[in-house]
Amino acid sequence: MNPYLRGYRCLTCGEVHSPKDITYTCPRDGGNLDAVYDYERMRRELDPHVITSSRDRSIWHYAPLLPAVLDKQQLAAHTPLTSLGWTPLYRAPLLEGEHSMRTIWLKDDSRLPSSSFKDRASAMVVARALESGVSTICVASTGNAAAALAAMCAGTPLRAVIFVPENTPDGKLAGILIHGAVVFTVRGSYNDAVDIARAACAKFGWYNRSTGLNPHTREGKKTAAFEIAEQLAVCQAQAGPEPSSELSSGATVFRAPTAVIVPVGDGNIISGIYKGFYDLHQLGWIKHIPRFIGVTAALAPSLFRTWQSGSEILVDVPSRTLASGISVDRPCDGVAALRAVRASAGALIEATDDEMLAAMRLLAQKAGVFTEPASAAAYVGLWKARQQGLIESGDEVVLQLTGSGLKDTKSALQAARPPIRVESLADIRL
């Protein structure tokens, strides 16, 4: 266990619990937990240059900032579990021109082993499970978290048990099954799958990876923020520092953008990336925390309605969106997601299904990145944020892309122009 980890704070009552007393949620009121570190000691003892100079470009590159890590023997194996991370950060010049913006970056986590962002969380949970000596990990998922857990458990002694809604897209289901996980399909919604998974874990003693319930999921997802900040600093150093940049002294090895736009379903990704930038800010390694703009599906409106009302009391609203990755009736990490948006002076934006399909097509054709609908929601958030004045032309914005378009080829075929049938050379017209 990380010596800098002080405990876990309940997001509902605020009580901090010792790491040895915690498995999942707050023992007092069942609230989700957030890892708390001894930042003062970390500032004294950790050198960011030592971290960034490491030749390891996996998420374990940031081991001093994580609650659990793999042991040296495991890390030496160079498996997908030990090597994931350092996904590309692309510039999107055509999109910059279209939106009259200085800088748009695309953080492409479809390049992770299971083709989704959820590998980060699953890897952290697997590290914790191996550290704790458990034998079976269980998760409820709309697809990506399940595929990530199955992939991260493959090649380890751990068994993965999965609960997914029966309408999970074939592309996601295939990625779960091929890695050898035990899969149960659930009649009903994602939240129904969450309830069954929790009951099964209680009955059989399995370790529950489910989002929100397990605090290590957020800690795994925060590694995307570390990578973004380090990659931006590298890009700035290569281009030469601007007079007002954080790199002007030549000392900073992390840099925060103006804003980060994130698709939001359960809320764990946006809360995780926010936590990563929060950690870096507490350490004094970045000068500011970016504004966070979360993008929810209009046909999964629970979180957006809660944000509009100014409340933190989430309600169940049936989801009907085609974007399976953000299709939730009640966000399991919604409280943390709302706090990330509010604390960073950000906003939530809704994306319709048609807008996400259009964004899939535009990201593929103008930036060369093939994403699933839930991931493309980030681009919907960009153009709506520009229209609403939430993003200005001089801002530097990162779009967090969370999953490959190969996860949902049915939606991709719906978004793309159909092929043109020809009988001969004479029929060809462009």
Protein backbone atom coordinates (compact mmCIF):
# COMPACT_ATOMS: atom_id res chain seq x y z
CA MET A 1 0.00 0.00 0.00
CA ASN A 2 1.18 3.51 -0.82
CA PRO A 3 2.82 5.05 2.30
CA TYR A 4 1.41 8.46 1.35
CA LEU A 5 -2.20 7.21 1.42
CA ARG A 6 -3.83 8.63 4.56
CA GLY A 7 -7.28 7.14 4.10
CA TYR A 8 -10.59 7.49 2.26
CA ARG A 9 -13.00 10.42 2.65
CA CYS A 10 -16.73 9.88 2.32
CA LEU A 11 -18.21 12.15 -0.35
CA THR A 12 -21.47 12.27 1.59
CA CYS A 13 -20.59 12.83 5.26
CA GLY A 14 -16.94 13.90 4.89
CA GLU A 15 -15.55 11.40 7.41
CA VAL A 16 -12.06 10.04 6.67
CA HIS A 17 -11.54 6.32 7.25
CA SER A 18 -8.28 4.44 7.69
CA PRO A 19 -7.25 2.33 4.66
CA LYS A 20 -7.34 -0.82 6.78
CA ASP A 21 -11.02 -0.21 7.60
CA ILE A 22 -12.16 0.19 3.99
CA THR A 23 -13.16 -2.19 1.22
CA TYR A 24 -15.85 -0.28 -0.67
CA THR A 25 -18.08 2.52 0.63
CA CYS A 26 -18.39 4.54 3.82
CA PRO A 27 -19.20 2.27 6.81
CA ARG A 28 -21.23 5.09 8.30
CA ASP A 29 -23.66 6.03 5.52
CA GLY A 30 -22.72 4.03 2.41
CA GLY A 31 -21.37 7.06 0.54
CA ASN A 32 -18.72 6.74 -2.15
CA LEU A 33 -15.15 7.25 -1.01
CA ASP A 34 -12.26 9.34 -2.31
CA ALA A 35 -8.61 8.56 -1.58
CA VAL A 36 -6.82 11.12 0.61
CA TYR A 37 -3.04 11.58 0.45
CA ASP A 38 -0.45 13.28 2.61
CA TYR A 39 0.30 16.01 0.07
CA GLU A 40 2.62 17.93 2.39
CA ARG A 41 4.88 14.93 2.84
CA MET A 42 4.68 14.13 -0.88
CA ARG A 43 5.79 17.67 -1.75
CA ARG A 44 8.82 17.23 0.49
CA GLU A 45 9.81 13.75 -0.66
CA LEU A 46 8.75 13.43 -4.31
CA ASP A 47 10.51 14.99 -7.29
CA PRO A 48 8.30 15.29 -10.40
CA HIS A 49 11.40 15.16 -12.59
CA VAL A 50 12.23 11.70 -11.25
CA ILE A 51 8.73 10.49 -12.15
CA THR A 52 8.69 11.94 -15.66
CA SER A 53 12.25 10.83 -16.44
CA SER A 54 11.30 7.17 -15.94
CA ARG A 55 11.57 5.07 -19.09
CA ASP A 56 8.40 3.23 -18.10
CA ARG A 57 5.46 4.75 -20.01
CA SER A 58 2.67 2.74 -18.39
CA ILE A 59 0.30 4.00 -15.71
CA TRP A 60 2.72 2.49 -13.16
CA HIS A 61 5.04 5.33 -14.19
CA TYR A 62 3.05 7.25 -11.54
CA ALA A 63 3.35 4.63 -8.78
CA PRO A 64 4.09 7.15 -5.96
CA LEU A 65 0.74 8.82 -6.70
CA LEU A 66 -1.35 5.61 -6.76
CA PRO A 67 -2.94 3.62 -3.91
CA ALA A 68 -1.82 0.19 -5.14
CA VAL A 69 0.84 -1.05 -7.56
CA LEU A 70 2.03 -4.34 -8.96
CA ASP A 71 5.16 -5.90 -7.51
CA LYS A 72 8.50 -5.83 -9.34
CA GLN A 73 8.15 -9.36 -10.67
CA GLN A 74 4.72 -8.62 -12.12
CA LEU A 75 5.87 -5.34 -13.64
CA ALA A 76 8.80 -7.09 -15.32
CA ALA A 77 6.40 -9.37 -17.23
CA HIS A 78 5.43 -6.72 -19.84
CA THR A 79 1.84 -7.94 -20.14
CA PRO A 80 -1.11 -5.70 -21.15
CA LEU A 81 -1.78 -5.22 -17.42
CA THR A 82 1.72 -3.89 -16.81
CA SER A 83 2.11 -1.91 -20.02
CA LEU A 84 -1.15 0.00 -20.51
CA GLY A 85 -1.07 3.77 -20.59
CA TRP A 86 0.59 6.69 -22.38
CA THR A 87 -2.13 6.78 -25.01
CA PRO A 88 -1.77 9.31 -27.84
CA LEU A 89 -2.58 12.98 -27.43
CA TYR A 90 -3.41 14.25 -30.92
CA ARG A 91 -3.77 17.77 -32.27
CA ALA A 92 -6.86 18.33 -34.42
CA PRO A 93 -6.00 21.24 -36.77
CA LEU A 94 -9.08 20.88 -39.00
CA LEU A 95 -11.33 21.01 -35.97
CA GLU A 96 -9.38 23.99 -34.61
CA GLY A 97 -10.05 25.86 -37.84
CA GLU A 98 -13.71 24.87 -37.92
CA HIS A 99 -14.28 26.15 -34.38
CA SER A 100 -11.87 29.13 -34.60
CA MET A 101 -9.84 27.80 -31.70
CA ARG A 102 -6.16 27.98 -30.81
CA THR A 103 -5.70 24.39 -29.65
CA ILE A 104 -7.81 21.24 -29.56
CA TRP A 105 -6.27 18.02 -28.29
CA LEU A 106 -7.76 14.52 -28.49
CA LYS A 107 -6.72 12.07 -25.77
CA ASP A 108 -7.35 8.75 -27.50
CA ASP A 109 -7.90 6.00 -24.95
CA SER A 110 -9.37 3.71 -27.58
CA ARG A 111 -5.73 2.66 -27.98
CA LEU A 112 -5.65 0.85 -24.62
CA PRO A 113 -5.59 -3.00 -24.62
CA SER A 114 -9.37 -3.51 -24.51
CA SER A 115 -9.96 -0.40 -26.66
CA SER A 116 -11.47 1.69 -23.88
CA PHE A 117 -10.59 4.07 -21.06
CA LYS A 118 -11.90 1.55 -18.50
CA ASP A 119 -8.62 -0.41 -18.62
CA ARG A 120 -7.16 2.21 -16.29
CA ALA A 121 -9.69 1.50 -13.55
CA SER A 122 -9.60 -2.26 -14.04
CA ALA A 123 -5.81 -2.35 -13.83
CA MET A 124 -5.87 -0.50 -10.51
CA VAL A 125 -8.54 -2.83 -9.12
CA VAL A 126 -6.56 -5.87 -10.28
CA ALA A 127 -3.44 -4.50 -8.57
CA ARG A 128 -5.43 -4.06 -5.37
CA ALA A 129 -6.91 -7.56 -5.70
CA LEU A 130 -3.50 -9.17 -6.18
CA GLU A 131 -2.20 -7.20 -3.22
CA SER A 132 -5.15 -8.38 -1.11
CA GLY A 133 -5.02 -12.04 -2.12
CA VAL A 134 -8.55 -12.33 -3.54
CA SER A 135 -9.27 -14.85 -6.30
CA THR A 136 -12.39 -13.51 -8.09
CA ILE A 137 -13.30 -9.99 -9.26
CA CYS A 138 -16.84 -9.12 -10.29
CA VAL A 139 -18.24 -6.13 -12.17
CA ALA A 140 -21.54 -4.81 -13.50
CA SER A 141 -21.04 -2.94 -16.74
CA THR A 142 -22.61 -1.67 -19.94
CA GLY A 143 -19.71 -3.33 -21.72
CA ASN A 144 -16.45 -1.39 -21.62
CA ALA A 145 -15.65 -1.87 -17.92
CA ALA A 146 -16.44 -5.56 -18.27
CA ALA A 147 -14.20 -6.00 -21.31
CA ALA A 148 -11.46 -4.10 -19.50
CA LEU A 149 -11.70 -6.29 -16.41
CA ALA A 150 -11.69 -9.46 -18.51
CA ALA A 151 -8.60 -8.28 -20.37
CA MET A 152 -6.73 -7.18 -17.25
CA CYS A 153 -7.46 -10.47 -15.45
CA ALA A 154 -6.31 -12.56 -18.42
CA GLY A 155 -2.85 -13.94 -17.76
CA THR A 156 -3.22 -13.51 -13.97
CA PRO A 157 -4.52 -15.99 -11.35
CA LEU A 158 -7.69 -13.91 -11.04
CA ARG A 159 -11.12 -14.93 -12.36
CA ALA A 160 -13.44 -12.28 -13.81
CA VAL A 161 -17.21 -12.58 -13.33
CA ILE A 162 -19.31 -10.16 -15.37
CA PHE A 163 -22.91 -8.92 -15.27
CA VAL A 164 -24.11 -6.93 -18.31
CA PRO A 165 -27.52 -5.78 -19.57
CA GLU A 166 -28.93 -8.15 -22.19
CA ASN A 167 -28.82 -5.41 -24.87
CA THR A 168 -25.01 -4.99 -24.63
CA PRO A 169 -23.60 -4.46 -28.17
CA ASP A 170 -21.97 -7.52 -29.75
CA GLY A 171 -18.65 -5.72 -30.16
CA LYS A 172 -18.39 -5.21 -26.42
CA LEU A 173 -19.73 -8.65 -25.54
CA ALA A 174 -17.17 -10.29 -27.81
CA GLY A 175 -14.33 -8.50 -26.04
CA ILE A 176 -15.55 -9.83 -22.70
CA LEU A 177 -16.14 -13.43 -23.75
CA ILE A 178 -12.93 -13.89 -25.74
CA HIS A 179 -10.81 -13.16 -22.65
CA GLY A 180 -12.44 -16.04 -20.79
CA ALA A 181 -14.62 -14.19 -18.29
CA VAL A 182 -17.75 -15.76 -16.84
CA VAL A 183 -20.58 -13.63 -18.23
CA PHE A 184 -24.17 -13.27 -17.01
CA THR A 185 -26.62 -11.20 -19.03
CA VAL A 186 -29.30 -9.39 -17.02
CA ARG A 187 -32.81 -8.61 -18.17
CA GLY A 188 -33.20 -4.93 -17.42
CA SER A 189 -30.97 -1.87 -17.16
CA TYR A 190 -27.37 -1.28 -16.16
CA ASN A 191 -28.53 -0.39 -12.66
CA ASP A 192 -30.31 -3.76 -12.44
CA ALA A 193 -26.99 -5.42 -13.31
CA VAL A 194 -25.27 -3.36 -10.59
CA ASP A 195 -27.75 -4.58 -7.99
CA ILE A 196 -27.35 -8.25 -8.95
CA ALA A 197 -23.55 -7.97 -9.01
CA ARG A 198 -23.51 -6.44 -5.55
CA ALA A 199 -25.73 -9.20 -4.17
CA ALA A 200 -23.58 -11.89 -5.81
CA CYS A 201 -20.39 -10.42 -4.34
CA ALA A 202 -21.96 -10.41 -0.88
CA LYS A 203 -23.10 -14.01 -1.25
CA PHE A 204 -19.97 -15.52 -2.80
CA GLY A 205 -17.26 -13.28 -1.35
CA TRP A 206 -16.12 -11.89 -4.70
CA TYR A 207 -14.24 -8.58 -4.91
CA ASN A 208 -16.53 -5.97 -6.50
CA ARG A 209 -14.96 -3.70 -9.12
CA SER A 210 -18.21 -1.86 -9.92
CA THR A 211 -17.94 1.86 -10.59
CA GLY A 212 -18.45 4.20 -7.66
CA LEU A 213 -18.67 1.34 -5.17
CA ASN A 214 -14.94 0.56 -5.47
CA PRO A 215 -12.83 3.67 -4.72
CA HIS A 216 -9.87 2.29 -6.68
CA THR A 217 -11.70 2.77 -9.98
CA ARG A 218 -11.42 6.56 -9.65
CA GLU A 219 -7.76 6.23 -8.68
CA GLY A 220 -7.03 4.26 -11.84
CA LYS A 221 -8.84 6.73 -14.04
CA LYS A 222 -6.94 9.70 -12.66
CA THR A 223 -3.85 8.45 -14.50
CA ALA A 224 -5.28 9.97 -17.68
CA ALA A 225 -4.91 13.40 -16.09
CA PHE A 226 -1.28 12.69 -15.20
CA GLU A 227 -0.57 11.67 -18.79
CA ILE A 228 -2.36 14.68 -20.29
CA ALA A 229 -0.44 17.08 -18.05
CA GLU A 230 2.91 15.44 -18.79
CA GLN A 231 2.25 15.18 -22.53
CA LEU A 232 1.20 18.84 -22.73
CA ALA A 233 4.40 19.84 -20.96
CA VAL A 234 6.46 17.78 -23.39
CA CYS A 235 4.67 19.31 -26.39
CA GLN A 236 5.16 22.81 -25.01
CA ALA A 237 8.86 22.18 -24.36
CA GLN A 238 9.32 20.91 -27.91
CA ALA A 239 7.56 23.98 -29.34
CA GLY A 240 9.38 26.41 -27.06
CA PRO A 241 7.70 28.04 -24.06
CA GLU A 242 5.47 31.04 -24.48
CA PRO A 243 6.34 34.05 -22.29
CA SER A 244 3.39 33.43 -19.98
CA SER A 245 3.49 29.64 -19.98
CA GLU A 246 4.00 27.44 -16.96
CA LEU A 247 7.19 26.20 -18.59
CA SER A 248 8.83 29.63 -18.83
CA SER A 249 11.09 28.83 -15.88
CA GLY A 250 12.07 25.51 -17.42
CA ALA A 251 11.18 23.78 -14.16
CA THR A 252 7.65 22.49 -14.67
CA VAL A 253 7.17 19.02 -16.11
CA PHE A 254 3.37 18.99 -15.93
CA ARG A 255 0.97 21.46 -17.54
CA ALA A 256 -2.80 21.79 -17.32
CA PRO A 257 -5.04 22.78 -20.26
CA THR A 258 -7.79 25.37 -19.99
CA ALA A 259 -10.58 22.82 -20.11
CA VAL A 260 -11.21 19.09 -20.36
CA ILE A 261 -14.38 17.74 -21.99
CA VAL A 262 -15.47 14.28 -20.86
CA PRO A 263 -18.37 11.95 -21.75
CA VAL A 264 -20.38 11.19 -18.61
CA GLY A 265 -22.46 8.14 -17.75
CA ASP A 266 -21.78 6.86 -14.25
CA GLY A 267 -19.62 9.91 -13.58
CA ASN A 268 -16.50 7.98 -12.60
CA ILE A 269 -14.35 9.08 -15.55
CA ILE A 270 -14.91 12.80 -15.07
CA SER A 271 -14.44 12.49 -11.30
CA GLY A 272 -11.29 10.44 -11.87
CA ILE A 273 -9.65 12.84 -14.32
CA TYR A 274 -10.58 15.74 -12.05
CA LYS A 275 -8.96 13.89 -9.12
CA GLY A 276 -5.74 13.51 -11.11
CA PHE A 277 -5.50 17.24 -11.79
CA TYR A 278 -6.50 17.94 -8.19
CA ASP A 279 -3.61 15.76 -6.97
CA LEU A 280 -1.13 17.55 -9.24
CA HIS A 281 -2.41 20.93 -8.06
CA GLN A 282 -2.16 19.97 -4.40
CA LEU A 283 1.44 18.93 -5.03
CA GLY A 284 2.17 22.29 -6.66
CA TRP A 285 3.08 20.63 -9.95
CA ILE A 286 0.45 22.53 -11.99
CA LYS A 287 -0.76 26.10 -11.54
CA HIS A 288 -4.48 25.51 -12.03
CA ILE A 289 -7.13 22.82 -12.32
CA PRO A 290 -8.86 22.83 -15.74
CA ARG A 291 -12.54 23.54 -16.12
CA PHE A 292 -14.45 20.30 -16.57
CA ILE A 293 -17.29 20.05 -19.06
CA GLY A 294 -19.22 16.80 -18.81
CA VAL A 295 -21.38 15.55 -21.67
CA THR A 296 -24.36 13.34 -20.87
CA ALA A 297 -26.80 11.66 -23.22
CA ALA A 298 -30.07 13.56 -23.59
CA LEU A 299 -31.83 10.20 -23.33
CA ALA A 300 -30.06 9.43 -20.03
CA PRO A 301 -30.94 12.65 -18.21
CA SER A 302 -30.57 11.81 -14.50
CA LEU A 303 -27.27 13.63 -13.87
CA PHE A 304 -28.07 16.60 -16.10
CA ARG A 305 -31.38 17.20 -14.33
CA THR A 306 -29.68 16.97 -10.95
CA TRP A 307 -27.04 19.49 -12.04
CA GLN A 308 -29.71 21.87 -13.35
CA SER A 309 -31.60 21.69 -10.07
CA GLY A 310 -28.51 22.50 -8.01
CA SER A 311 -29.07 19.35 -5.95
CA GLU A 312 -26.85 16.34 -5.23
CA ILE A 313 -29.78 13.95 -4.80
CA LEU A 314 -29.76 11.70 -7.87
CA VAL A 315 -32.99 10.20 -9.13
CA ASP A 316 -33.68 7.20 -11.37
CA VAL A 317 -34.67 8.18 -14.91
CA PRO A 318 -34.89 5.36 -17.48
CA SER A 319 -32.18 5.64 -20.13
CA ARG A 320 -33.04 5.10 -23.80
CA THR A 321 -29.87 6.29 -25.53
CA LEU A 322 -28.06 4.27 -28.19
CA ALA A 323 -24.77 5.31 -26.55
CA SER A 324 -24.36 2.23 -24.37
CA GLY A 325 -21.22 3.56 -22.69
CA ILE A 326 -23.13 6.41 -21.03
CA SER A 327 -26.52 4.72 -20.75
CA VAL A 328 -27.37 4.80 -17.04
CA ASP A 329 -30.60 5.33 -15.13
CA ARG A 330 -28.84 6.64 -12.01
CA PRO A 331 -25.12 7.51 -12.09
CA CYS A 332 -23.28 5.40 -9.50
CA ASP A 333 -20.59 8.06 -9.06
CA GLY A 334 -22.84 11.02 -9.75
CA VAL A 335 -22.06 12.93 -6.54
CA ALA A 336 -18.33 12.95 -7.35
CA ALA A 337 -19.04 13.92 -10.96
CA LEU A 338 -21.16 16.90 -9.91
CA ARG A 339 -18.50 18.07 -7.49
CA ALA A 340 -15.83 17.85 -10.20
CA VAL A 341 -17.92 20.06 -12.49
CA ARG A 342 -18.89 22.55 -9.80
CA ALA A 343 -15.48 22.79 -8.13
CA SER A 344 -13.81 23.52 -11.47
CA ALA A 345 -16.42 26.13 -12.52
CA GLY A 346 -17.41 23.83 -15.36
CA ALA A 347 -20.73 22.71 -16.79
CA LEU A 348 -22.78 19.77 -18.00
CA ILE A 349 -24.06 19.58 -21.58
CA GLU A 350 -26.51 17.13 -23.15
CA ALA A 351 -25.91 15.32 -26.45
CA THR A 352 -28.71 13.79 -28.48
CA ASP A 353 -28.25 10.42 -30.16
CA ASP A 354 -28.24 12.05 -33.60
CA GLU A 355 -25.58 14.53 -32.47
CA MET A 356 -23.36 11.71 -31.20
CA LEU A 357 -23.68 9.85 -34.50
CA ALA A 358 -22.74 13.02 -36.38
CA ALA A 359 -19.78 13.52 -34.04
CA MET A 360 -18.59 9.95 -34.72
CA ARG A 361 -18.48 10.77 -38.42
CA LEU A 362 -16.79 14.16 -37.96
CA LEU A 363 -14.08 12.84 -35.60
CA ALA A 364 -13.29 10.05 -38.03
CA GLN A 365 -13.24 12.23 -41.13
CA LYS A 366 -11.60 15.37 -39.74
CA ALA A 367 -9.33 13.98 -37.04
CA GLY A 368 -8.78 10.35 -38.08
CA VAL A 369 -10.11 8.89 -34.81
CA PHE A 370 -12.83 6.21 -34.85
CA THR A 371 -14.87 6.40 -31.65
CA GLU A 372 -18.07 4.85 -30.32
CA PRO A 373 -21.10 7.14 -29.74
CA ALA A 374 -20.46 7.65 -26.02
CA SER A 375 -16.90 8.74 -26.76
CA ALA A 376 -17.98 11.04 -29.59
CA ALA A 377 -20.18 12.84 -27.07
CA ALA A 378 -17.05 14.78 -26.06
CA TYR A 379 -17.01 16.44 -29.48
CA VAL A 380 -20.71 17.32 -29.17
CA GLY A 381 -19.73 18.98 -25.91
CA LEU A 382 -17.05 21.01 -27.67
CA TRP A 383 -19.28 22.50 -30.34
CA LYS A 384 -22.10 23.22 -27.89
CA ALA A 385 -19.67 24.75 -25.39
CA ARG A 386 -18.41 27.07 -28.13
CA GLN A 387 -21.99 28.04 -29.04
CA GLN A 388 -22.80 28.72 -25.38
CA GLY A 389 -19.66 30.77 -24.76
CA LEU A 390 -18.25 28.24 -22.29
CA ILE A 391 -15.13 27.78 -24.43
CA GLU A 392 -13.30 30.74 -25.98
CA SER A 393 -11.13 30.89 -29.07
CA GLY A 394 -7.88 31.21 -27.10
CA ASP A 395 -8.58 28.24 -24.84
CA GLU A 396 -6.58 25.05 -24.91
CA VAL A 397 -9.05 22.17 -24.73
CA VAL A 398 -8.60 18.41 -24.32
CA LEU A 399 -11.33 16.04 -25.45
CA GLN A 400 -11.16 12.77 -23.57
CA LEU A 401 -12.05 10.00 -26.04
CA THR A 402 -13.04 6.87 -24.19
CA GLY A 403 -13.79 3.98 -26.55
CA SER A 404 -13.23 2.61 -30.04
CA GLY A 405 -15.89 2.72 -32.74
CA LEU A 406 -15.30 -1.00 -33.22
CA LYS A 407 -17.18 -1.43 -29.94
CA ASP A 408 -20.41 -0.46 -31.71
CA THR A 409 -20.20 -1.02 -35.46
CA LYS A 410 -23.99 -0.87 -35.78
CA SER A 411 -23.92 2.80 -34.77
CA ALA A 412 -20.89 3.43 -36.98
CA LEU A 413 -22.73 2.09 -40.03
CA GLN A 414 -25.70 4.27 -39.11
CA ALA A 415 -23.45 7.34 -38.87
CA ALA A 416 -21.43 6.78 -42.06
CA ARG A 417 -22.42 7.25 -45.68
CA PRO A 418 -23.44 3.88 -47.20
CA PRO A 419 -21.30 2.27 -49.92
CA ILE A 420 -22.17 2.98 -53.57
CA ARG A 421 -23.00 0.01 -55.72
CA VAL A 422 -21.55 -0.04 -59.24
CA GLU A 423 -21.87 -2.46 -62.14
CA SER A 424 -19.09 -1.06 -64.26
CA LEU A 425 -16.49 1.67 -64.55
CA ALA A 426 -19.08 3.90 -66.22
CA ASP A 427 -21.13 3.99 -63.01
CA ILE A 428 -18.40 5.64 -60.94
CA ARG A 429 -19.26 9.19 -59.90
CA LEU A 430 -17.65 11.26 -57.14
